[in-house]
Amino acid sequence: MSQEKQQRDIVSDNIQSTNKTTHLERTNNLKRQKSRIPTKIIEITQETPTVKTFKFNPTSSSSEFSFLPGQWLDVFIPNVSIVGGFSLTSTPQSYKETNTFELAIKYSNHPPAKWFHEQANIGDEVSVRVGGEFVWDSLKEKQEQTEHVIFIAGGVGINPLISMLESICQDKLLDKKKSFIEKIRLFYSVRTFSELLFYKRIEGLNKQFPEMLECSYFLTRDDPLRKSEFYYKQRIDKKIINDVIEKERDYLEKLKCFICGPSAMEDDIIKFLNESGVDKERILFEKWW
């Protein structure tokens, strides 16, 4: 993708973002932790042309800080009046082992995102607070006898889903006998191949769990670099959803679908899943746009 085209896409995203409500307004009715935890940036990585990941370490006792895969953080930045809202892209297991957590933030003119991309440096401190109800709760899913999972992501909607996916895989590595998930299908749509955030991480999991995990990538403005049944130049449409639900037809009572992406995409996918026979109680989604 040319630099000029990339800048046009960013400008388009930024124009759309000016019409959105704030993170706190959108999530006002959702549960969140009471305490703010002070944290320090310890690592910054350019993941894609428009996305950076930031790794954090709590600077005080972290006993009050805990999260489930899929949750987001309220992010309070010194001298920035607007509170940011960003999904965690790491797992509770990795936090327990390393005392670090991670956010992936796409560039925009929204003040918190703009600060992270243009001003944030290693050593800078922000405070965070966990919230959100779009989660992977392994205890709950085991009780509900979930065995098959479909993840559907659009753009940076992959953020909460990568945390869920990696958490399931980490549980399976820890104890395969106790792992209750038999099949995961990931459908991930972006404009161009270069925007496939966490591609190497996802493919690494795919190689580790080839029988459990199946990944399909959809590019809406780019030809796939690889020609196979798992790379498509199209959107995730009704036929794609119908085909995968046919494969899952015998497992609908043990299936859960998790969706995160632009609002119009989410609305279409939910409609396609309902029309294919998936109960609305088995479809979970994050509404950020």
C-alpha atoms as a PDB file:
ATOM      1  CA  MET A   1       0.000   0.000   0.000  1.00  0.00           C
ATOM      2  CA  SER A   2       1.401   3.430  -0.924  1.00  0.00           C
ATOM      3  CA  GLN A   3       2.151   5.977   1.776  1.00  0.00           C
ATOM      4  CA  GLU A   4      -0.407   8.345   0.217  1.00  0.00           C
ATOM      5  CA  LYS A   5      -3.099   5.657   0.285  1.00  0.00           C
ATOM      6  CA  GLN A   6      -2.215   4.762   3.875  1.00  0.00           C
ATOM      7  CA  GLN A   7      -2.551   8.416   4.929  1.00  0.00           C
ATOM      8  CA  ARG A   8      -5.951   8.685   3.197  1.00  0.00           C
ATOM      9  CA  ASP A   9      -7.163   5.654   5.153  1.00  0.00           C
ATOM     10  CA  ILE A  10      -5.918   7.140   8.434  1.00  0.00           C
ATOM     11  CA  VAL A  11      -7.614  10.472   7.670  1.00  0.00           C
ATOM     12  CA  SER A  12     -10.847   8.624   6.862  1.00  0.00           C
ATOM     13  CA  ASP A  13     -10.657   6.751  10.156  1.00  0.00           C
ATOM     14  CA  ASN A  14      -9.991   9.989  12.020  1.00  0.00           C
ATOM     15  CA  ILE A  15     -12.939  11.785  10.408  1.00  0.00           C
ATOM     16  CA  GLN A  16     -15.193   8.923  11.481  1.00  0.00           C
ATOM     17  CA  SER A  17     -13.752   8.973  15.010  1.00  0.00           C
ATOM     18  CA  THR A  18     -14.726  12.621  15.545  1.00  0.00           C
ATOM     19  CA  ASN A  19     -18.389  11.618  15.420  1.00  0.00           C
ATOM     20  CA  LYS A  20     -18.087   8.950  18.077  1.00  0.00           C
ATOM     21  CA  THR A  21     -18.943   9.250  21.731  1.00  0.00           C
ATOM     22  CA  THR A  22     -16.102   8.937  24.226  1.00  0.00           C
ATOM     23  CA  HIS A  23     -14.960   5.642  25.696  1.00  0.00           C
ATOM     24  CA  LEU A  24     -16.357   6.522  29.139  1.00  0.00           C
ATOM     25  CA  GLU A  25     -19.718   7.480  27.621  1.00  0.00           C
ATOM     26  CA  ARG A  26     -19.927   4.256  25.626  1.00  0.00           C
ATOM     27  CA  THR A  27     -19.036   2.065  28.594  1.00  0.00           C
ATOM     28  CA  ASN A  28     -20.726   4.006  31.385  1.00  0.00           C
ATOM     29  CA  ASN A  29     -23.139   1.149  32.154  1.00  0.00           C
ATOM     30  CA  LEU A  30     -20.467  -1.574  32.228  1.00  0.00           C
ATOM     31  CA  LYS A  31     -18.689  -2.927  35.279  1.00  0.00           C
ATOM     32  CA  ARG A  32     -15.144  -1.808  35.985  1.00  0.00           C
ATOM     33  CA  GLN A  33     -12.689  -2.005  38.844  1.00  0.00           C
ATOM     34  CA  LYS A  34     -12.750   0.885  41.328  1.00  0.00           C
ATOM     35  CA  SER A  35      -9.014   1.363  41.751  1.00  0.00           C
ATOM     36  CA  ARG A  36      -6.646   2.955  39.272  1.00  0.00           C
ATOM     37  CA  ILE A  37      -3.318   1.121  39.017  1.00  0.00           C
ATOM     38  CA  PRO A  38      -0.181   3.163  38.223  1.00  0.00           C
ATOM     39  CA  THR A  39       1.896   1.580  35.472  1.00  0.00           C
ATOM     40  CA  LYS A  40       5.038   2.300  33.469  1.00  0.00           C
ATOM     41  CA  ILE A  41       5.708   1.726  29.750  1.00  0.00           C
ATOM     42  CA  ILE A  42       8.615  -0.696  29.442  1.00  0.00           C
ATOM     43  CA  GLU A  43       8.513  -1.601  25.737  1.00  0.00           C
ATOM     44  CA  ILE A  44       7.157  -0.110  22.481  1.00  0.00           C
ATOM     45  CA  THR A  45       6.914  -2.066  19.210  1.00  0.00           C
ATOM     46  CA  GLN A  46       5.720  -0.978  15.758  1.00  0.00           C
ATOM     47  CA  GLU A  47       3.472  -3.903  14.808  1.00  0.00           C
ATOM     48  CA  THR A  48       1.912  -2.661  11.558  1.00  0.00           C
ATOM     49  CA  PRO A  49       2.111   0.635   9.625  1.00  0.00           C
ATOM     50  CA  THR A  50      -0.607   2.092  11.881  1.00  0.00           C
ATOM     51  CA  VAL A  51      -0.453   0.064  15.122  1.00  0.00           C
ATOM     52  CA  LYS A  52       2.027   0.054  17.997  1.00  0.00           C
ATOM     53  CA  THR A  53       2.035  -2.297  20.968  1.00  0.00           C
ATOM     54  CA  PHE A  54       2.910  -1.021  24.420  1.00  0.00           C
ATOM     55  CA  LYS A  55       4.047  -3.265  27.251  1.00  0.00           C
ATOM     56  CA  PHE A  56       3.454  -2.083  30.808  1.00  0.00           C
ATOM     57  CA  ASN A  57       4.637  -2.971  34.292  1.00  0.00           C
ATOM     58  CA  PRO A  58       2.673  -1.886  37.409  1.00  0.00           C
ATOM     59  CA  THR A  59       4.738   0.506  39.512  1.00  0.00           C
ATOM     60  CA  SER A  60       3.088  -0.365  42.831  1.00  0.00           C
ATOM     61  CA  SER A  61       1.460  -3.405  44.397  1.00  0.00           C
ATOM     62  CA  SER A  62      -0.468  -5.154  41.642  1.00  0.00           C
ATOM     63  CA  SER A  63      -2.611  -7.312  43.951  1.00  0.00           C
ATOM     64  CA  GLU A  64      -5.716  -5.328  42.959  1.00  0.00           C
ATOM     65  CA  PHE A  65      -5.029  -5.662  39.230  1.00  0.00           C
ATOM     66  CA  SER A  66      -6.606  -8.664  37.515  1.00  0.00           C
ATOM     67  CA  PHE A  67      -8.434  -9.203  34.255  1.00  0.00           C
ATOM     68  CA  LEU A  68     -10.157 -11.739  32.062  1.00  0.00           C
ATOM     69  CA  PRO A  69      -9.266 -12.236  28.390  1.00  0.00           C
ATOM     70  CA  GLY A  70     -11.255  -9.745  26.320  1.00  0.00           C
ATOM     71  CA  GLN A  71     -11.434  -6.945  28.880  1.00  0.00           C
ATOM     72  CA  TRP A  72     -10.284  -3.380  28.249  1.00  0.00           C
ATOM     73  CA  LEU A  73      -8.577  -0.684  30.267  1.00  0.00           C
ATOM     74  CA  ASP A  74      -9.587   2.856  31.108  1.00  0.00           C
ATOM     75  CA  VAL A  75      -6.262   4.639  30.527  1.00  0.00           C
ATOM     76  CA  PHE A  76      -5.592   7.898  32.370  1.00  0.00           C
ATOM     77  CA  ILE A  77      -2.765   9.905  30.781  1.00  0.00           C
ATOM     78  CA  PRO A  78      -1.197  12.903  32.564  1.00  0.00           C
ATOM     79  CA  ASN A  79      -2.167  16.193  30.869  1.00  0.00           C
ATOM     80  CA  VAL A  80      -4.636  14.463  28.522  1.00  0.00           C
ATOM     81  CA  SER A  81      -8.212  15.259  29.553  1.00  0.00           C
ATOM     82  CA  ILE A  82      -9.888  12.439  27.614  1.00  0.00           C
ATOM     83  CA  VAL A  83      -9.692   8.933  29.084  1.00  0.00           C
ATOM     84  CA  GLY A  84      -8.537   6.265  26.646  1.00  0.00           C
ATOM     85  CA  GLY A  85     -10.147   2.867  26.245  1.00  0.00           C
ATOM     86  CA  PHE A  86      -8.004   0.042  24.862  1.00  0.00           C
ATOM     87  CA  SER A  87      -8.435  -3.742  24.892  1.00  0.00           C
ATOM     88  CA  LEU A  88      -5.791  -5.858  26.566  1.00  0.00           C
ATOM     89  CA  THR A  89      -3.907  -7.964  24.032  1.00  0.00           C
ATOM     90  CA  SER A  90      -2.034 -10.180  26.486  1.00  0.00           C
ATOM     91  CA  THR A  91      -3.338 -12.883  28.815  1.00  0.00           C
ATOM     92  CA  PRO A  92      -3.875 -13.265  32.563  1.00  0.00           C
ATOM     93  CA  GLN A  93      -1.477 -16.224  32.462  1.00  0.00           C
ATOM     94  CA  SER A  94       1.349 -14.118  31.019  1.00  0.00           C
ATOM     95  CA  TYR A  95       0.613 -11.330  33.501  1.00  0.00           C
ATOM     96  CA  LYS A  96       0.916 -13.805  36.362  1.00  0.00           C
ATOM     97  CA  GLU A  97       4.278 -15.010  35.034  1.00  0.00           C
ATOM     98  CA  THR A  98       5.869 -11.702  34.012  1.00  0.00           C
ATOM     99  CA  ASN A  99       3.939  -8.981  35.884  1.00  0.00           C
ATOM    100  CA  THR A 100       3.448  -7.232  32.541  1.00  0.00           C
ATOM    101  CA  PHE A 101       0.497  -6.610  30.260  1.00  0.00           C
ATOM    102  CA  GLU A 102       0.089  -5.280  26.734  1.00  0.00           C
ATOM    103  CA  LEU A 103      -2.058  -2.907  24.676  1.00  0.00           C
ATOM    104  CA  ALA A 104      -2.145  -2.538  20.887  1.00  0.00           C
ATOM    105  CA  ILE A 105      -3.099   0.985  19.819  1.00  0.00           C
ATOM    106  CA  LYS A 106      -3.946   2.177  16.325  1.00  0.00           C
ATOM    107  CA  TYR A 107      -2.924   5.690  15.294  1.00  0.00           C
ATOM    108  CA  SER A 108      -5.699   8.284  15.178  1.00  0.00           C
ATOM    109  CA  ASN A 109      -6.285  11.917  16.105  1.00  0.00           C
ATOM    110  CA  HIS A 110      -8.167  10.811  19.205  1.00  0.00           C
ATOM    111  CA  PRO A 111      -6.075  12.412  21.994  1.00  0.00           C
ATOM    112  CA  PRO A 112      -5.165   9.226  23.940  1.00  0.00           C
ATOM    113  CA  ALA A 113      -4.157   7.306  20.784  1.00  0.00           C
ATOM    114  CA  LYS A 114      -2.346  10.352  19.411  1.00  0.00           C
ATOM    115  CA  TRP A 115      -0.404  10.705  22.685  1.00  0.00           C
ATOM    116  CA  PHE A 116       0.710   7.077  22.618  1.00  0.00           C
ATOM    117  CA  HIS A 117       1.907   7.315  19.019  1.00  0.00           C
ATOM    118  CA  GLU A 118       3.475  10.767  19.070  1.00  0.00           C
ATOM    119  CA  GLN A 119       4.633  11.402  22.655  1.00  0.00           C
ATOM    120  CA  ALA A 120       4.826   8.199  24.702  1.00  0.00           C
ATOM    121  CA  ASN A 121       8.284   6.927  25.587  1.00  0.00           C
ATOM    122  CA  ILE A 122       9.665   4.031  27.576  1.00  0.00           C
ATOM    123  CA  GLY A 123       9.520   5.016  31.226  1.00  0.00           C
ATOM    124  CA  ASP A 124       6.380   7.159  30.933  1.00  0.00           C
ATOM    125  CA  GLU A 125       3.659   6.430  33.472  1.00  0.00           C
ATOM    126  CA  VAL A 126      -0.114   6.185  33.112  1.00  0.00           C
ATOM    127  CA  SER A 127      -2.774   4.750  35.394  1.00  0.00           C
ATOM    128  CA  VAL A 128      -5.260   2.108  34.308  1.00  0.00           C
ATOM    129  CA  ARG A 129      -8.524   0.532  35.445  1.00  0.00           C
ATOM    130  CA  VAL A 130      -9.952  -2.777  34.187  1.00  0.00           C
ATOM    131  CA  GLY A 131     -13.477  -3.006  32.798  1.00  0.00           C
ATOM    132  CA  GLY A 132     -15.695  -4.752  30.284  1.00  0.00           C
ATOM    133  CA  GLU A 133     -18.025  -7.730  30.024  1.00  0.00           C
ATOM    134  CA  PHE A 134     -16.998  -9.131  26.630  1.00  0.00           C
ATOM    135  CA  VAL A 135     -14.788 -11.839  28.066  1.00  0.00           C
ATOM    136  CA  TRP A 136     -13.566 -15.397  27.840  1.00  0.00           C
ATOM    137  CA  ASP A 137     -14.304 -16.865  31.283  1.00  0.00           C
ATOM    138  CA  SER A 138     -12.942 -20.419  31.161  1.00  0.00           C
ATOM    139  CA  LEU A 139     -14.785 -21.511  34.319  1.00  0.00           C
ATOM    140  CA  LYS A 140     -18.104 -20.248  32.953  1.00  0.00           C
ATOM    141  CA  GLU A 141     -17.515 -21.743  29.515  1.00  0.00           C
ATOM    142  CA  LYS A 142     -16.620 -25.110  31.008  1.00  0.00           C
ATOM    143  CA  GLN A 143     -19.801 -25.080  33.092  1.00  0.00           C
ATOM    144  CA  GLU A 144     -21.809 -24.243  29.970  1.00  0.00           C
ATOM    145  CA  GLN A 145     -20.080 -27.123  28.127  1.00  0.00           C
ATOM    146  CA  THR A 146     -18.602 -24.949  25.405  1.00  0.00           C
ATOM    147  CA  GLU A 147     -16.372 -27.094  23.212  1.00  0.00           C
ATOM    148  CA  HIS A 148     -16.260 -25.218  19.881  1.00  0.00           C
ATOM    149  CA  VAL A 149     -15.444 -21.514  19.423  1.00  0.00           C
ATOM    150  CA  ILE A 150     -15.660 -19.144  16.452  1.00  0.00           C
ATOM    151  CA  PHE A 151     -13.748 -15.860  16.662  1.00  0.00           C
ATOM    152  CA  ILE A 152     -14.589 -13.201  14.051  1.00  0.00           C
ATOM    153  CA  ALA A 153     -12.446 -10.053  13.926  1.00  0.00           C
ATOM    154  CA  GLY A 154     -12.423  -6.935  11.772  1.00  0.00           C
ATOM    155  CA  GLY A 155      -9.329  -4.714  11.844  1.00  0.00           C
ATOM    156  CA  VAL A 156      -8.151  -3.907  15.380  1.00  0.00           C
ATOM    157  CA  GLY A 157     -11.173  -5.843  16.602  1.00  0.00           C
ATOM    158  CA  ILE A 158      -8.618  -8.648  16.824  1.00  0.00           C
ATOM    159  CA  ASN A 159      -7.326  -7.063  20.066  1.00  0.00           C
ATOM    160  CA  PRO A 160      -9.657  -8.662  22.637  1.00  0.00           C
ATOM    161  CA  LEU A 161      -9.851 -11.862  20.589  1.00  0.00           C
ATOM    162  CA  ILE A 162      -6.075 -12.454  20.547  1.00  0.00           C
ATOM    163  CA  SER A 163      -6.158 -12.390  24.340  1.00  0.00           C
ATOM    164  CA  MET A 164      -8.978 -14.951  24.375  1.00  0.00           C
ATOM    165  CA  LEU A 165      -7.320 -17.161  21.762  1.00  0.00           C
ATOM    166  CA  GLU A 166      -3.923 -17.179  23.443  1.00  0.00           C
ATOM    167  CA  SER A 167      -5.476 -17.797  26.850  1.00  0.00           C
ATOM    168  CA  ILE A 168      -7.264 -20.909  25.578  1.00  0.00           C
ATOM    169  CA  CYS A 169      -4.040 -22.155  23.982  1.00  0.00           C
ATOM    170  CA  GLN A 170      -2.022 -21.475  27.140  1.00  0.00           C
ATOM    171  CA  ASP A 171      -4.517 -23.473  29.189  1.00  0.00           C
ATOM    172  CA  LYS A 172      -4.170 -26.338  26.737  1.00  0.00           C
ATOM    173  CA  LEU A 173      -0.372 -26.223  26.989  1.00  0.00           C
ATOM    174  CA  LEU A 174      -0.619 -26.240  30.770  1.00  0.00           C
ATOM    175  CA  ASP A 175      -2.805 -29.330  30.942  1.00  0.00           C
ATOM    176  CA  LYS A 176      -4.121 -30.956  27.756  1.00  0.00           C
ATOM    177  CA  LYS A 177      -6.252 -33.419  29.720  1.00  0.00           C
ATOM    178  CA  LYS A 178      -8.172 -30.634  31.460  1.00  0.00           C
ATOM    179  CA  SER A 179      -8.552 -28.527  28.316  1.00  0.00           C
ATOM    180  CA  PHE A 180     -12.184 -28.674  27.186  1.00  0.00           C
ATOM    181  CA  ILE A 181     -12.000 -26.766  23.871  1.00  0.00           C
ATOM    182  CA  GLU A 182     -11.880 -29.084  20.863  1.00  0.00           C
ATOM    183  CA  LYS A 183     -12.121 -26.674  17.915  1.00  0.00           C
ATOM    184  CA  ILE A 184     -11.418 -22.964  17.318  1.00  0.00           C
ATOM    185  CA  ARG A 185     -12.058 -21.203  14.018  1.00  0.00           C
ATOM    186  CA  LEU A 186     -10.678 -17.684  13.558  1.00  0.00           C
ATOM    187  CA  PHE A 187     -12.003 -15.430  10.772  1.00  0.00           C
ATOM    188  CA  TYR A 188      -9.956 -12.242  10.506  1.00  0.00           C
ATOM    189  CA  SER A 189     -10.728  -9.445   8.036  1.00  0.00           C
ATOM    190  CA  VAL A 190      -8.517  -6.428   7.232  1.00  0.00           C
ATOM    191  CA  ARG A 191      -7.916  -4.180   4.248  1.00  0.00           C
ATOM    192  CA  THR A 192      -4.380  -5.296   3.377  1.00  0.00           C
ATOM    193  CA  PHE A 193      -1.964  -8.045   4.387  1.00  0.00           C
ATOM    194  CA  SER A 194       0.266  -5.528   6.181  1.00  0.00           C
ATOM    195  CA  GLU A 195      -2.623  -4.736   8.542  1.00  0.00           C
ATOM    196  CA  LEU A 196      -2.895  -8.309   9.837  1.00  0.00           C
ATOM    197  CA  LEU A 197      -2.085  -7.486  13.430  1.00  0.00           C
ATOM    198  CA  PHE A 198      -0.544 -10.382  15.425  1.00  0.00           C
ATOM    199  CA  TYR A 199      -0.232 -12.472  12.263  1.00  0.00           C
ATOM    200  CA  LYS A 200       2.972 -14.188  13.405  1.00  0.00           C
ATOM    201  CA  ARG A 201       1.532 -14.887  16.855  1.00  0.00           C
ATOM    202  CA  ILE A 202      -1.616 -16.365  15.352  1.00  0.00           C
ATOM    203  CA  GLU A 203       0.266 -18.519  12.855  1.00  0.00           C
ATOM    204  CA  GLY A 204       2.573 -19.678  15.653  1.00  0.00           C
ATOM    205  CA  LEU A 205      -0.465 -20.902  17.577  1.00  0.00           C
ATOM    206  CA  ASN A 206      -1.799 -22.503  14.405  1.00  0.00           C
ATOM    207  CA  LYS A 207       1.406 -24.546  14.074  1.00  0.00           C
ATOM    208  CA  GLN A 208       1.276 -25.547  17.745  1.00  0.00           C
ATOM    209  CA  PHE A 209      -2.353 -26.636  17.575  1.00  0.00           C
ATOM    210  CA  PRO A 210      -3.037 -27.620  13.948  1.00  0.00           C
ATOM    211  CA  GLU A 211      -5.930 -29.909  14.835  1.00  0.00           C
ATOM    212  CA  MET A 212      -7.648 -27.496  17.218  1.00  0.00           C
ATOM    213  CA  LEU A 213      -7.082 -24.133  15.504  1.00  0.00           C
ATOM    214  CA  GLU A 214      -8.127 -23.145  11.983  1.00  0.00           C
ATOM    215  CA  CYS A 215      -7.412 -19.597  10.775  1.00  0.00           C
ATOM    216  CA  SER A 216      -8.918 -17.847   7.744  1.00  0.00           C
ATOM    217  CA  TYR A 217      -7.804 -14.395   6.568  1.00  0.00           C
ATOM    218  CA  PHE A 218      -9.900 -11.992   4.500  1.00  0.00           C
ATOM    219  CA  LEU A 219      -8.313  -9.060   2.644  1.00  0.00           C
ATOM    220  CA  THR A 220     -10.752  -6.486   1.279  1.00  0.00           C
ATOM    221  CA  ARG A 221      -8.298  -4.298  -0.693  1.00  0.00           C
ATOM    222  CA  ASP A 222      -5.347  -6.546  -1.359  1.00  0.00           C
ATOM    223  CA  ASP A 223      -4.492  -9.817  -3.081  1.00  0.00           C
ATOM    224  CA  PRO A 224      -3.474 -12.557  -0.613  1.00  0.00           C
ATOM    225  CA  LEU A 225       0.273 -13.196  -0.567  1.00  0.00           C
ATOM    226  CA  ARG A 226      -0.473 -16.877  -0.179  1.00  0.00           C
ATOM    227  CA  LYS A 227      -2.916 -18.808  -2.319  1.00  0.00           C
ATOM    228  CA  SER A 228      -4.806 -21.354  -0.252  1.00  0.00           C
ATOM    229  CA  GLU A 229      -8.251 -22.126   1.075  1.00  0.00           C
ATOM    230  CA  PHE A 230      -7.487 -19.992   4.144  1.00  0.00           C
ATOM    231  CA  TYR A 231      -6.733 -16.708   2.340  1.00  0.00           C
ATOM    232  CA  TYR A 232      -9.498 -14.746   0.614  1.00  0.00           C
ATOM    233  CA  LYS A 233      -9.817 -11.470  -1.269  1.00  0.00           C
ATOM    234  CA  GLN A 234     -13.287 -10.578  -0.023  1.00  0.00           C
ATOM    235  CA  ARG A 235     -15.302  -9.641   3.013  1.00  0.00           C
ATOM    236  CA  ILE A 236     -16.705 -12.191   5.427  1.00  0.00           C
ATOM    237  CA  ASP A 237     -20.069 -12.662   3.790  1.00  0.00           C
ATOM    238  CA  LYS A 238     -23.219 -14.697   4.327  1.00  0.00           C
ATOM    239  CA  LYS A 239     -21.918 -17.685   2.339  1.00  0.00           C
ATOM    240  CA  ILE A 240     -18.756 -17.876   4.460  1.00  0.00           C
ATOM    241  CA  ILE A 241     -20.849 -17.874   7.639  1.00  0.00           C
ATOM    242  CA  ASN A 242     -23.330 -20.405   6.259  1.00  0.00           C
ATOM    243  CA  ASP A 243     -20.505 -22.727   5.233  1.00  0.00           C
ATOM    244  CA  VAL A 244     -18.798 -22.680   8.634  1.00  0.00           C
ATOM    245  CA  ILE A 245     -22.062 -23.163  10.524  1.00  0.00           C
ATOM    246  CA  GLU A 246     -22.804 -26.184   8.323  1.00  0.00           C
ATOM    247  CA  LYS A 247     -19.498 -27.642   9.541  1.00  0.00           C
ATOM    248  CA  GLU A 248     -20.574 -26.874  13.108  1.00  0.00           C
ATOM    249  CA  ARG A 249     -24.170 -28.062  12.670  1.00  0.00           C
ATOM    250  CA  ASP A 250     -23.785 -31.010  15.076  1.00  0.00           C
ATOM    251  CA  TYR A 251     -22.186 -28.782  17.740  1.00  0.00           C
ATOM    252  CA  LEU A 252     -24.461 -25.741  17.873  1.00  0.00           C
ATOM    253  CA  GLU A 253     -25.348 -26.396  21.525  1.00  0.00           C
ATOM    254  CA  LYS A 254     -21.644 -26.467  22.382  1.00  0.00           C
ATOM    255  CA  LEU A 255     -20.623 -23.531  20.151  1.00  0.00           C
ATOM    256  CA  LYS A 256     -19.857 -19.931  21.168  1.00  0.00           C
ATOM    257  CA  CYS A 257     -19.201 -17.090  18.713  1.00  0.00           C
ATOM    258  CA  PHE A 258     -17.184 -13.998  19.687  1.00  0.00           C
ATOM    259  CA  ILE A 259     -17.232 -10.974  17.358  1.00  0.00           C
ATOM    260  CA  CYS A 260     -15.334  -7.686  17.441  1.00  0.00           C
ATOM    261  CA  GLY A 261     -15.048  -5.238  14.559  1.00  0.00           C
ATOM    262  CA  PRO A 262     -16.648  -2.176  12.964  1.00  0.00           C
ATOM    263  CA  SER A 263     -20.312  -1.763  13.824  1.00  0.00           C
ATOM    264  CA  ALA A 264     -21.698  -2.474  10.343  1.00  0.00           C
ATOM    265  CA  MET A 265     -19.603  -5.628  10.061  1.00  0.00           C
ATOM    266  CA  GLU A 266     -20.758  -6.835  13.476  1.00  0.00           C
ATOM    267  CA  ASP A 267     -24.420  -6.230  12.597  1.00  0.00           C
ATOM    268  CA  ASP A 268     -24.069  -8.229   9.373  1.00  0.00           C
ATOM    269  CA  ILE A 269     -22.221 -11.127  11.013  1.00  0.00           C
ATOM    270  CA  ILE A 270     -24.739 -11.384  13.858  1.00  0.00           C
ATOM    271  CA  LYS A 271     -27.578 -11.426  11.311  1.00  0.00           C
ATOM    272  CA  PHE A 272     -25.846 -14.127   9.229  1.00  0.00           C
ATOM    273  CA  LEU A 273     -25.221 -16.273  12.333  1.00  0.00           C
ATOM    274  CA  ASN A 274     -28.841 -15.956  13.459  1.00  0.00           C
ATOM    275  CA  GLU A 275     -30.115 -16.860   9.984  1.00  0.00           C
ATOM    276  CA  SER A 276     -27.780 -19.876   9.961  1.00  0.00           C
ATOM    277  CA  GLY A 277     -29.332 -21.234  13.140  1.00  0.00           C
ATOM    278  CA  VAL A 278     -27.022 -20.000  15.894  1.00  0.00           C
ATOM    279  CA  ASP A 279     -28.915 -19.041  19.050  1.00  0.00           C
ATOM    280  CA  LYS A 280     -28.481 -15.362  19.961  1.00  0.00           C
ATOM    281  CA  GLU A 281     -27.407 -16.404  23.476  1.00  0.00           C
ATOM    282  CA  ARG A 282     -24.364 -18.065  21.933  1.00  0.00           C
ATOM    283  CA  ILE A 283     -23.237 -14.922  20.090  1.00  0.00           C
ATOM    284  CA  LEU A 284     -21.141 -12.445  22.067  1.00  0.00           C
ATOM    285  CA  PHE A 285     -19.810  -9.166  20.703  1.00  0.00           C
ATOM    286  CA  GLU A 286     -18.049  -5.953  21.715  1.00  0.00           C
ATOM    287  CA  LYS A 287     -19.735  -2.689  20.629  1.00  0.00           C
ATOM    288  CA  TRP A 288     -17.088   0.040  20.471  1.00  0.00           C
ATOM    289  CA  TRP A 289     -18.095   1.937  17.346  1.00  0.00           C
END
